[in-house]
Amino acid sequence: MKQTKPCRLSRRQFLQRAALTAVPLIVPGRVLGLDGAVAPSNRIVFGGIGIGNRARYILPNFLSFAEIQWVAVSDARAERLASAKELIDTRYGTKDCRAYPDFRDLLAQKDIDAVLIATGNRWHATASMFAAHAGKDVYCEKPISLTLKEGRKLVETCRQLGTIYQAGTQRRSTASYRFARDMVLQGKIGRVHTVESQVWCGSTVPHQKPAPVPDGWNYDMWLGPVQWRPYVPGRVQGHGWMCFWDTGEGMHTDMGTHYTDQMQWVLGTDNTGPVEFETSDIVWPDPVKFMSETAISGTFRCRYSNGIQGVIFQRGGFKDRYIRYIGDAGWIQVDDDTDEVTAEPKSILSLKKAGGVSWSNAGGHIGNFLASIRSRRPADCNPEVGHRAQSIVEAMTISARLGRKLKWDPATEKFNDEDANRMTWREPRAPWCV
């Protein structure tokens, strides 16, 4: 595929010149960007790839921006594709939203500037790189990759092609998390020695036999870069795919990247990472009862070269998740379910301003992405940032699977262990090698 740089700005300049030379005598205010409207030449045109539960959750945040024009959707499942088109058409009061079963047809549309990628995890890096090669900017849900080398390849692709990329780790744009970071950086809890977080227990999938692929489901496209296997409902339906190495890598990898992203941000280590990984108390699914592969619970640890430690506990329920920064003079914690901030000493809390939306509203994060598209400056969660955060949970996963401590060089991105290094890449299925 030819690697060419996007030409969005020249396209807009062309439209602006055309508007000046061919404008009729009477023009509605909305066309010229008057009356609070955004002129067509100033809109950022979007398409969506993977329009399932997460995309439906975040779409209202995108549609709240007048400068965004949503024109196309793509999904491997026919009912989701039709429903997504209806949603967009209802929003604009038209029948104009284009629907593509194959996302490559969406990427071929010259009028699209950027895409939201909200597929299952197996597709995130591959679809993002296809979009970058097509000249589109990318907002991709986390995790940005499922292997360490895949993540690095995404970074290099976006850098070479000038792609603006935002990982969907939106807590960087949330008031509570920003406050916690400010308090740490201002020394309110002293020198930080530990960053502790918690995700909920992973689920299990009982053994099942292969079944016919449901009507309207392009299963081959759904699998994408994953090696082919028969359709088994428990492996793919709901969030069952989360419980297998090639499609999800488990709960601590999926959710934990939110907290490693925060840890990296607060510690000022966005361009590097820990040097050691170790796991303990891992509870694996019983292979006699279950076909799922990923951990049910456990403790995942990392250590930076300066001695600071990061810990992810995989335990408890969905509402028990949090992140806590622990220093030699106190601690500060953000409860992820309630968005409540607690601290010791409690006097820290008097410094927090009222208001601000929780992580569930991604509007601020999307706004940062739109500003980056216009300025061509990196977004807050650009590929390097997203990759470094994701690298931590992926390295933790490899440590757990091997059952031993691993040392890691964040500069060369290699382990001191050849078995571990072999686990940093999985060959994608043709034709999905970018």
Protein backbone atom coordinates (compact mmCIF):
# COMPACT_ATOMS: atom_id res chain seq x y z
CA MET A 1 0.00 0.00 0.00
CA LYS A 2 1.44 3.36 -0.99
CA GLN A 3 2.37 5.56 1.95
CA THR A 4 1.16 9.07 1.23
CA LYS A 5 0.54 11.94 3.56
CA PRO A 6 -3.04 13.13 4.13
CA CYS A 7 -4.17 16.10 2.05
CA ARG A 8 -6.98 17.32 4.27
CA LEU A 9 -5.84 20.91 4.49
CA SER A 10 -5.51 21.41 0.75
CA ARG A 11 -8.96 19.88 0.28
CA ARG A 12 -10.45 22.38 2.69
CA GLN A 13 -8.58 25.24 1.06
CA PHE A 14 -10.04 24.17 -2.26
CA LEU A 15 -13.55 24.16 -0.83
CA GLN A 16 -13.04 27.58 0.70
CA ARG A 17 -11.82 29.02 -2.60
CA ALA A 18 -14.71 27.42 -4.43
CA ALA A 19 -17.14 28.95 -1.97
CA LEU A 20 -15.72 32.40 -2.64
CA THR A 21 -15.87 32.11 -6.42
CA ALA A 22 -19.21 30.32 -6.79
CA VAL A 23 -21.33 31.61 -3.92
CA PRO A 24 -24.97 32.41 -4.90
CA LEU A 25 -26.58 35.76 -4.16
CA ILE A 26 -28.59 34.41 -1.21
CA VAL A 27 -26.96 31.82 1.05
CA PRO A 28 -28.40 30.31 4.26
CA GLY A 29 -26.49 31.35 7.36
CA ARG A 30 -25.72 27.75 8.29
CA VAL A 31 -23.78 27.32 5.01
CA LEU A 32 -21.47 30.23 5.75
CA GLY A 33 -21.02 29.25 9.37
CA LEU A 34 -23.27 31.97 10.75
CA ASP A 35 -25.94 31.63 13.45
CA GLY A 36 -23.72 29.32 15.50
CA ALA A 37 -23.40 26.77 12.67
CA VAL A 38 -20.14 25.44 11.26
CA ALA A 39 -19.46 25.98 7.58
CA PRO A 40 -19.01 22.74 5.58
CA SER A 41 -15.42 23.68 4.70
CA ASN A 42 -14.57 23.83 8.41
CA ARG A 43 -16.17 20.56 9.43
CA ILE A 44 -14.15 17.47 10.26
CA VAL A 45 -15.76 14.54 8.46
CA PHE A 46 -15.89 11.24 10.38
CA GLY A 47 -16.55 7.58 9.80
CA GLY A 48 -16.91 4.82 12.38
CA ILE A 49 -15.34 1.35 12.27
CA GLY A 50 -16.88 -1.17 14.64
CA ILE A 51 -20.22 0.17 15.85
CA GLY A 52 -20.99 -2.06 18.82
CA ASN A 53 -21.66 -1.31 22.48
CA ARG A 54 -18.65 0.92 23.13
CA ALA A 55 -19.17 2.94 19.96
CA ARG A 56 -22.84 3.50 20.87
CA TYR A 57 -21.76 4.69 24.29
CA ILE A 58 -19.28 7.25 22.98
CA LEU A 59 -21.07 8.38 19.80
CA PRO A 60 -23.23 10.98 21.61
CA ASN A 61 -19.99 12.66 22.76
CA PHE A 62 -18.79 12.89 19.16
CA LEU A 63 -22.16 14.06 17.86
CA SER A 64 -22.26 16.86 20.43
CA PHE A 65 -19.56 18.71 18.44
CA ALA A 66 -21.03 20.92 15.73
CA GLU A 67 -17.73 20.82 13.85
CA ILE A 68 -18.04 17.05 13.30
CA GLN A 69 -20.00 15.68 10.36
CA TRP A 70 -20.58 11.92 10.58
CA VAL A 71 -21.03 10.38 7.12
CA ALA A 72 -20.22 6.66 7.21
CA VAL A 73 -20.16 3.53 9.38
CA SER A 74 -18.72 0.04 9.01
CA ASP A 75 -19.30 -3.21 10.89
CA ALA A 76 -18.93 -6.93 10.20
CA ARG A 77 -22.39 -7.61 11.66
CA ALA A 78 -25.32 -6.59 9.47
CA GLU A 79 -27.75 -5.72 12.27
CA ARG A 80 -25.22 -3.44 13.95
CA LEU A 81 -24.39 -1.79 10.65
CA ALA A 82 -28.04 -1.07 9.85
CA SER A 83 -28.71 0.17 13.36
CA ALA A 84 -25.68 2.49 13.29
CA LYS A 85 -26.76 3.99 9.97
CA GLU A 86 -30.23 4.60 11.38
CA LEU A 87 -28.74 6.29 14.45
CA ILE A 88 -26.65 8.69 12.37
CA ASP A 89 -29.45 9.39 9.91
CA THR A 90 -31.83 10.16 12.77
CA ARG A 91 -29.32 12.57 14.26
CA TYR A 92 -29.08 14.57 11.02
CA GLY A 93 -32.63 14.04 9.75
CA THR A 94 -31.40 12.50 6.49
CA LYS A 95 -30.82 9.13 4.82
CA ASP A 96 -27.26 10.02 3.82
CA CYS A 97 -25.08 7.96 6.15
CA ARG A 98 -23.18 5.38 4.09
CA ALA A 99 -22.87 1.82 5.42
CA TYR A 100 -19.93 -0.44 4.53
CA PRO A 101 -19.61 -4.11 5.56
CA ASP A 102 -15.89 -3.89 4.70
CA PHE A 103 -14.09 -1.04 6.50
CA ARG A 104 -11.60 -0.73 3.64
CA ASP A 105 -14.40 0.65 1.48
CA LEU A 106 -15.06 3.28 4.13
CA LEU A 107 -11.38 4.20 4.24
CA ALA A 108 -11.38 4.65 0.45
CA GLN A 109 -13.88 7.53 0.73
CA LYS A 110 -12.01 10.76 -0.08
CA ASP A 111 -14.33 13.02 1.93
CA ILE A 112 -13.57 11.34 5.28
CA ASP A 113 -10.94 13.05 7.43
CA ALA A 114 -10.92 10.87 10.55
CA VAL A 115 -12.29 7.66 12.00
CA LEU A 116 -13.43 6.31 15.33
CA ILE A 117 -12.26 2.71 15.77
CA ALA A 118 -14.25 0.84 18.40
CA THR A 119 -13.91 -2.75 17.22
CA GLY A 120 -12.93 -5.61 19.49
CA ASN A 121 -9.36 -5.42 20.79
CA ARG A 122 -7.93 -7.79 18.15
CA TRP A 123 -8.56 -5.18 15.45
CA HIS A 124 -7.38 -1.97 17.11
CA ALA A 125 -3.79 -1.75 15.88
CA THR A 126 -4.42 -3.26 12.45
CA ALA A 127 -7.44 -1.09 11.65
CA SER A 128 -5.58 2.00 12.91
CA MET A 129 -2.65 1.33 10.60
CA PHE A 130 -4.96 0.72 7.64
CA ALA A 131 -6.63 4.05 8.42
CA ALA A 132 -3.28 5.83 8.67
CA HIS A 133 -2.22 4.49 5.27
CA ALA A 134 -5.53 5.73 3.86
CA GLY A 135 -4.73 9.26 5.08
CA LYS A 136 -7.23 9.31 7.95
CA ASP A 137 -6.62 10.57 11.48
CA VAL A 138 -7.59 8.07 14.16
CA TYR A 139 -9.38 8.00 17.51
CA CYS A 140 -9.06 4.39 18.68
CA GLU A 141 -10.47 2.80 21.79
CA LYS A 142 -8.05 1.11 24.15
CA PRO A 143 -6.09 -1.12 24.24
CA ILE A 144 -4.15 0.18 21.25
CA SER A 145 -2.57 -3.23 20.56
CA LEU A 146 -2.35 -6.82 21.78
CA THR A 147 1.38 -7.40 21.32
CA LEU A 148 4.40 -5.26 22.11
CA LYS A 149 5.79 -5.24 18.57
CA GLU A 150 2.36 -4.47 17.11
CA GLY A 151 2.18 -1.39 19.32
CA ARG A 152 5.62 -0.20 18.26
CA LYS A 153 4.69 -0.75 14.61
CA LEU A 154 1.61 1.44 15.12
CA VAL A 155 3.78 4.20 16.60
CA GLU A 156 6.18 4.12 13.66
CA THR A 157 3.37 4.02 11.09
CA CYS A 158 1.67 7.11 12.52
CA ARG A 159 4.98 8.93 12.79
CA GLN A 160 5.97 8.18 9.19
CA LEU A 161 2.58 9.15 7.75
CA GLY A 162 1.93 12.20 9.93
CA THR A 163 -1.25 10.67 11.38
CA ILE A 164 -2.94 12.37 14.31
CA TYR A 165 -3.89 9.57 16.69
CA GLN A 166 -5.70 9.64 20.01
CA ALA A 167 -5.95 6.54 22.22
CA GLY A 168 -9.26 6.32 24.05
CA THR A 169 -7.72 6.47 27.52
CA GLN A 170 -9.89 9.49 28.27
CA ARG A 171 -9.09 9.82 31.96
CA ARG A 172 -6.33 12.28 31.07
CA SER A 173 -9.12 14.68 30.14
CA THR A 174 -11.10 14.18 33.37
CA ALA A 175 -11.14 16.65 36.28
CA SER A 176 -10.74 14.13 39.11
CA TYR A 177 -7.69 12.47 37.57
CA ARG A 178 -6.15 15.80 36.67
CA PHE A 179 -6.59 16.93 40.27
CA ALA A 180 -4.90 13.80 41.61
CA ARG A 181 -1.99 14.37 39.24
CA ASP A 182 -1.66 18.02 40.26
CA MET A 183 -1.56 17.10 43.94
CA VAL A 184 1.17 14.52 43.36
CA LEU A 185 3.24 16.92 41.27
CA GLN A 186 2.85 19.63 43.90
CA GLY A 187 4.30 17.26 46.50
CA LYS A 188 1.14 17.07 48.64
CA ILE A 189 1.75 13.40 49.46
CA GLY A 190 5.54 13.58 49.51
CA ARG A 191 7.71 11.38 47.33
CA VAL A 192 5.66 8.73 45.53
CA HIS A 193 6.91 5.19 46.01
CA THR A 194 3.91 3.11 44.87
CA VAL A 195 1.06 3.46 42.38
CA GLU A 196 -1.69 0.97 43.20
CA SER A 197 -4.77 0.20 41.11
CA GLN A 198 -7.49 -2.39 40.87
CA VAL A 199 -9.54 -3.93 38.07
CA TRP A 200 -12.32 -6.47 38.48
CA CYS A 201 -12.05 -10.26 38.22
CA GLY A 202 -11.97 -11.85 34.81
CA SER A 203 -14.77 -14.12 33.64
CA THR A 204 -14.68 -17.70 32.36
CA VAL A 205 -16.16 -19.41 29.32
CA PRO A 206 -17.35 -23.04 29.58
CA HIS A 207 -16.39 -25.49 26.88
CA GLN A 208 -18.68 -25.31 23.85
CA LYS A 209 -18.86 -26.95 20.44
CA PRO A 210 -18.62 -25.06 17.14
CA ALA A 211 -21.90 -23.79 15.72
CA PRO A 212 -23.16 -22.25 12.45
CA VAL A 213 -22.24 -18.60 12.00
CA PRO A 214 -25.34 -16.42 12.57
CA ASP A 215 -26.96 -14.86 9.52
CA GLY A 216 -25.62 -11.41 8.70
CA TRP A 217 -22.34 -11.98 10.54
CA ASN A 218 -19.19 -11.82 8.39
CA TYR A 219 -17.20 -14.03 10.73
CA ASP A 220 -14.06 -13.98 8.58
CA MET A 221 -14.01 -10.17 8.74
CA TRP A 222 -14.81 -10.26 12.45
CA LEU A 223 -11.73 -12.43 13.08
CA GLY A 224 -9.56 -10.18 10.94
CA PRO A 225 -5.87 -10.58 11.82
CA VAL A 226 -6.56 -13.45 14.26
CA GLN A 227 -5.73 -16.96 13.04
CA TRP A 228 -8.86 -18.68 11.77
CA ARG A 229 -10.82 -21.07 14.00
CA PRO A 230 -14.40 -22.41 13.91
CA TYR A 231 -17.19 -20.19 15.18
CA VAL A 232 -17.87 -21.02 18.84
CA PRO A 233 -20.52 -18.75 20.42
CA GLY A 234 -18.81 -18.43 23.81
CA ARG A 235 -15.54 -17.34 22.25
CA VAL A 236 -17.02 -14.42 20.35
CA GLN A 237 -20.39 -13.33 21.68
CA GLY A 238 -20.78 -10.73 24.41
CA HIS A 239 -17.37 -10.17 25.96
CA GLY A 240 -16.31 -13.80 25.68
CA TRP A 241 -13.55 -12.79 23.25
CA MET A 242 -11.90 -10.92 26.14
CA CYS A 243 -10.98 -14.25 27.74
CA PHE A 244 -8.62 -15.48 25.00
CA TRP A 245 -5.03 -14.47 24.26
CA ASP A 246 -5.44 -13.70 20.58
CA THR A 247 -8.61 -11.61 20.81
CA GLY A 248 -8.56 -9.91 24.22
CA GLU A 249 -5.78 -10.87 26.67
CA GLY A 250 -7.94 -10.55 29.77
CA MET A 251 -9.27 -7.92 32.10
CA HIS A 252 -6.03 -6.56 33.55
CA THR A 253 -4.72 -5.93 30.01
CA ASP A 254 -7.93 -4.32 28.79
CA MET A 255 -8.83 -2.14 31.79
CA GLY A 256 -5.40 -1.95 33.34
CA THR A 257 -4.10 0.19 30.51
CA HIS A 258 -6.26 3.07 31.80
CA TYR A 259 -4.32 2.99 35.05
CA THR A 260 -0.87 2.42 33.59
CA ASP A 261 -1.61 5.42 31.35
CA GLN A 262 -2.36 7.48 34.45
CA MET A 263 0.74 6.17 36.24
CA GLN A 264 2.98 7.05 33.30
CA TRP A 265 1.41 10.52 33.03
CA VAL A 266 1.81 11.32 36.72
CA LEU A 267 5.35 9.91 36.95
CA GLY A 268 6.46 11.76 33.82
CA THR A 269 7.54 8.55 32.07
CA ASP A 270 5.50 8.75 28.86
CA ASN A 271 8.56 8.03 26.71
CA THR A 272 9.95 5.15 28.74
CA GLY A 273 8.66 2.61 31.26
CA PRO A 274 9.41 0.13 34.04
CA VAL A 275 12.42 -2.18 34.01
CA GLU A 276 11.06 -5.19 35.87
CA PHE A 277 7.81 -7.20 35.94
CA GLU A 278 6.53 -9.85 38.31
CA THR A 279 3.18 -11.48 39.08
CA SER A 280 1.78 -13.53 41.94
CA ASP A 281 -1.41 -15.24 43.16
CA ILE A 282 -2.58 -15.81 39.59
CA VAL A 283 -5.78 -17.85 39.40
CA TRP A 284 -6.21 -19.47 35.99
CA PRO A 285 -9.40 -21.05 34.59
CA ASP A 286 -9.75 -24.76 35.23
CA PRO A 287 -9.05 -26.30 31.77
CA VAL A 288 -11.37 -29.21 32.54
CA LYS A 289 -14.35 -26.87 32.96
CA PHE A 290 -13.46 -23.88 30.83
CA MET A 291 -12.02 -23.11 27.40
CA SER A 292 -11.11 -19.54 28.37
CA GLU A 293 -7.40 -18.78 28.78
CA THR A 294 -6.85 -15.50 30.62
CA ALA A 295 -6.44 -14.96 34.35
CA ILE A 296 -9.44 -14.79 36.67
CA SER A 297 -7.54 -12.89 39.36
CA GLY A 298 -4.02 -12.08 40.48
CA THR A 299 -1.46 -9.42 41.35
CA PHE A 300 0.64 -7.78 38.61
CA ARG A 301 3.69 -5.69 39.58
CA CYS A 302 6.26 -3.54 37.85
CA ARG A 303 9.26 -1.52 39.05
CA TYR A 304 10.89 1.58 37.53
CA SER A 305 14.65 2.17 37.58
CA ASN A 306 14.19 4.76 40.37
CA GLY A 307 12.50 2.17 42.59
CA ILE A 308 8.89 3.34 42.19
CA GLN A 309 6.53 0.38 42.01
CA GLY A 310 3.27 -0.09 40.15
CA VAL A 311 0.70 -2.68 41.22
CA ILE A 312 -2.49 -3.83 39.51
CA PHE A 313 -4.80 -6.02 41.58
CA GLN A 314 -7.25 -8.06 39.55
CA ARG A 315 -9.92 -8.86 42.12
CA GLY A 316 -13.39 -7.89 43.31
CA GLY A 317 -16.19 -6.53 41.16
CA PHE A 318 -16.71 -3.86 38.54
CA LYS A 319 -17.51 -1.16 41.11
CA ASP A 320 -14.32 -1.79 43.09
CA ARG A 321 -11.86 -0.30 40.61
CA TYR A 322 -9.57 2.59 41.63
CA ILE A 323 -6.10 4.08 41.38
CA ARG A 324 -4.10 5.28 44.38
CA TYR A 325 -0.80 7.19 44.54
CA ILE A 326 1.09 6.44 47.75
CA GLY A 327 3.85 8.73 48.99
CA ASP A 328 5.99 9.00 52.10
CA ALA A 329 3.68 11.75 53.42
CA GLY A 330 0.23 10.49 52.42
CA TRP A 331 -1.86 9.19 49.53
CA ILE A 332 -4.52 10.24 47.04
CA GLN A 333 -7.05 7.97 45.33
CA VAL A 334 -9.62 8.26 42.55
CA ASP A 335 -12.54 5.84 42.73
CA ASP A 336 -13.29 4.99 39.13
CA ASP A 337 -16.94 4.04 39.61
CA THR A 338 -18.04 7.12 41.58
CA ASP A 339 -15.34 9.57 40.41
CA GLU A 340 -14.82 10.40 44.10
CA VAL A 341 -11.39 11.57 45.25
CA THR A 342 -10.14 10.63 48.72
CA ALA A 343 -6.83 11.49 50.31
CA GLU A 344 -4.67 11.50 53.38
CA PRO A 345 -4.09 14.07 54.72
CA LYS A 346 -7.71 15.06 54.14
CA SER A 347 -6.74 18.72 53.86
CA ILE A 348 -5.73 17.99 50.27
CA LEU A 349 -9.39 17.69 49.33
CA SER A 350 -10.07 21.33 50.22
CA LEU A 351 -8.01 22.28 47.16
CA LYS A 352 -10.31 20.51 44.73
CA LYS A 353 -12.66 22.69 42.71
CA ALA A 354 -16.28 21.69 42.35
CA GLY A 355 -17.63 20.48 39.04
CA GLY A 356 -16.10 18.67 36.13
CA VAL A 357 -17.36 15.61 34.26
CA SER A 358 -16.32 12.03 35.01
CA TRP A 359 -14.47 9.62 32.74
CA SER A 360 -17.82 8.49 31.31
CA ASN A 361 -18.00 11.73 29.29
CA ALA A 362 -15.24 11.61 26.67
CA GLY A 363 -16.06 15.07 25.32
CA GLY A 364 -12.87 16.67 26.61
CA HIS A 365 -10.75 13.91 25.13
CA ILE A 366 -12.50 14.19 21.78
CA GLY A 367 -12.06 17.97 21.90
CA ASN A 368 -8.32 17.48 22.38
CA PHE A 369 -8.29 15.17 19.35
CA LEU A 370 -10.13 17.71 17.18
CA ALA A 371 -7.74 20.47 18.23
CA SER A 372 -4.81 18.24 17.27
CA ILE A 373 -6.32 17.50 13.86
CA ARG A 374 -6.46 21.24 13.18
CA SER A 375 -3.03 22.12 14.62
CA ARG A 376 -1.28 18.88 13.50
CA ARG A 377 0.32 18.70 16.94
CA PRO A 378 0.25 15.38 18.84
CA ALA A 379 -2.85 14.58 20.89
CA ASP A 380 -2.60 13.97 24.65
CA CYS A 381 -2.72 10.19 24.20
CA ASN A 382 -0.69 9.96 21.01
CA PRO A 383 0.68 6.61 19.78
CA GLU A 384 3.89 6.73 21.82
CA VAL A 385 1.96 7.52 24.99
CA GLY A 386 -0.61 4.80 24.32
CA HIS A 387 2.03 2.24 23.41
CA ARG A 388 4.13 2.83 26.52
CA ALA A 389 1.10 2.44 28.77
CA GLN A 390 -0.03 -0.67 26.92
CA SER A 391 3.48 -2.13 27.01
CA ILE A 392 3.29 -2.35 30.80
CA VAL A 393 0.18 -4.51 30.93
CA GLU A 394 1.36 -6.65 28.03
CA ALA A 395 4.70 -7.26 29.79
CA MET A 396 2.79 -8.14 32.96
CA THR A 397 0.77 -10.65 30.94
CA ILE A 398 3.91 -12.29 29.58
CA SER A 399 5.37 -12.50 33.10
CA ALA A 400 2.18 -14.18 34.33
CA ARG A 401 2.08 -16.67 31.46
CA LEU A 402 5.71 -17.66 31.95
CA GLY A 403 5.38 -17.66 35.73
CA ARG A 404 8.61 -15.78 36.37
CA LYS A 405 10.10 -12.34 36.96
CA LEU A 406 11.24 -10.53 33.84
CA LYS A 407 13.64 -7.65 33.27
CA TRP A 408 12.87 -5.21 30.49
CA ASP A 409 14.86 -2.59 28.64
CA PRO A 410 12.43 0.24 27.76
CA ALA A 411 14.92 1.70 25.27
CA THR A 412 15.35 -1.44 23.15
CA GLU A 413 11.96 -2.89 24.17
CA LYS A 414 13.44 -6.32 24.83
CA PHE A 415 13.33 -8.72 27.76
CA ASN A 416 16.26 -10.55 29.31
CA ASP A 417 14.42 -13.75 28.44
CA GLU A 418 14.18 -15.27 24.95
CA ASP A 419 10.90 -17.04 25.71
CA ALA A 420 9.43 -13.67 26.66
CA ASN A 421 10.83 -11.97 23.55
CA ARG A 422 9.15 -14.58 21.35
CA MET A 423 5.83 -13.60 22.93
CA THR A 424 6.06 -9.95 21.84
CA TRP A 425 4.59 -10.67 18.38
CA ARG A 426 1.93 -12.78 16.71
CA GLU A 427 1.91 -13.04 12.94
CA PRO A 428 -1.38 -11.62 11.60
CA ARG A 429 -3.52 -13.66 9.24
CA ALA A 430 -3.42 -12.69 5.56
CA PRO A 431 -4.34 -10.22 4.17
CA TRP A 432 -4.08 -8.19 7.36
CA CYS A 433 -0.33 -7.70 7.68
CA VAL A 434 0.19 -3.95 7.30
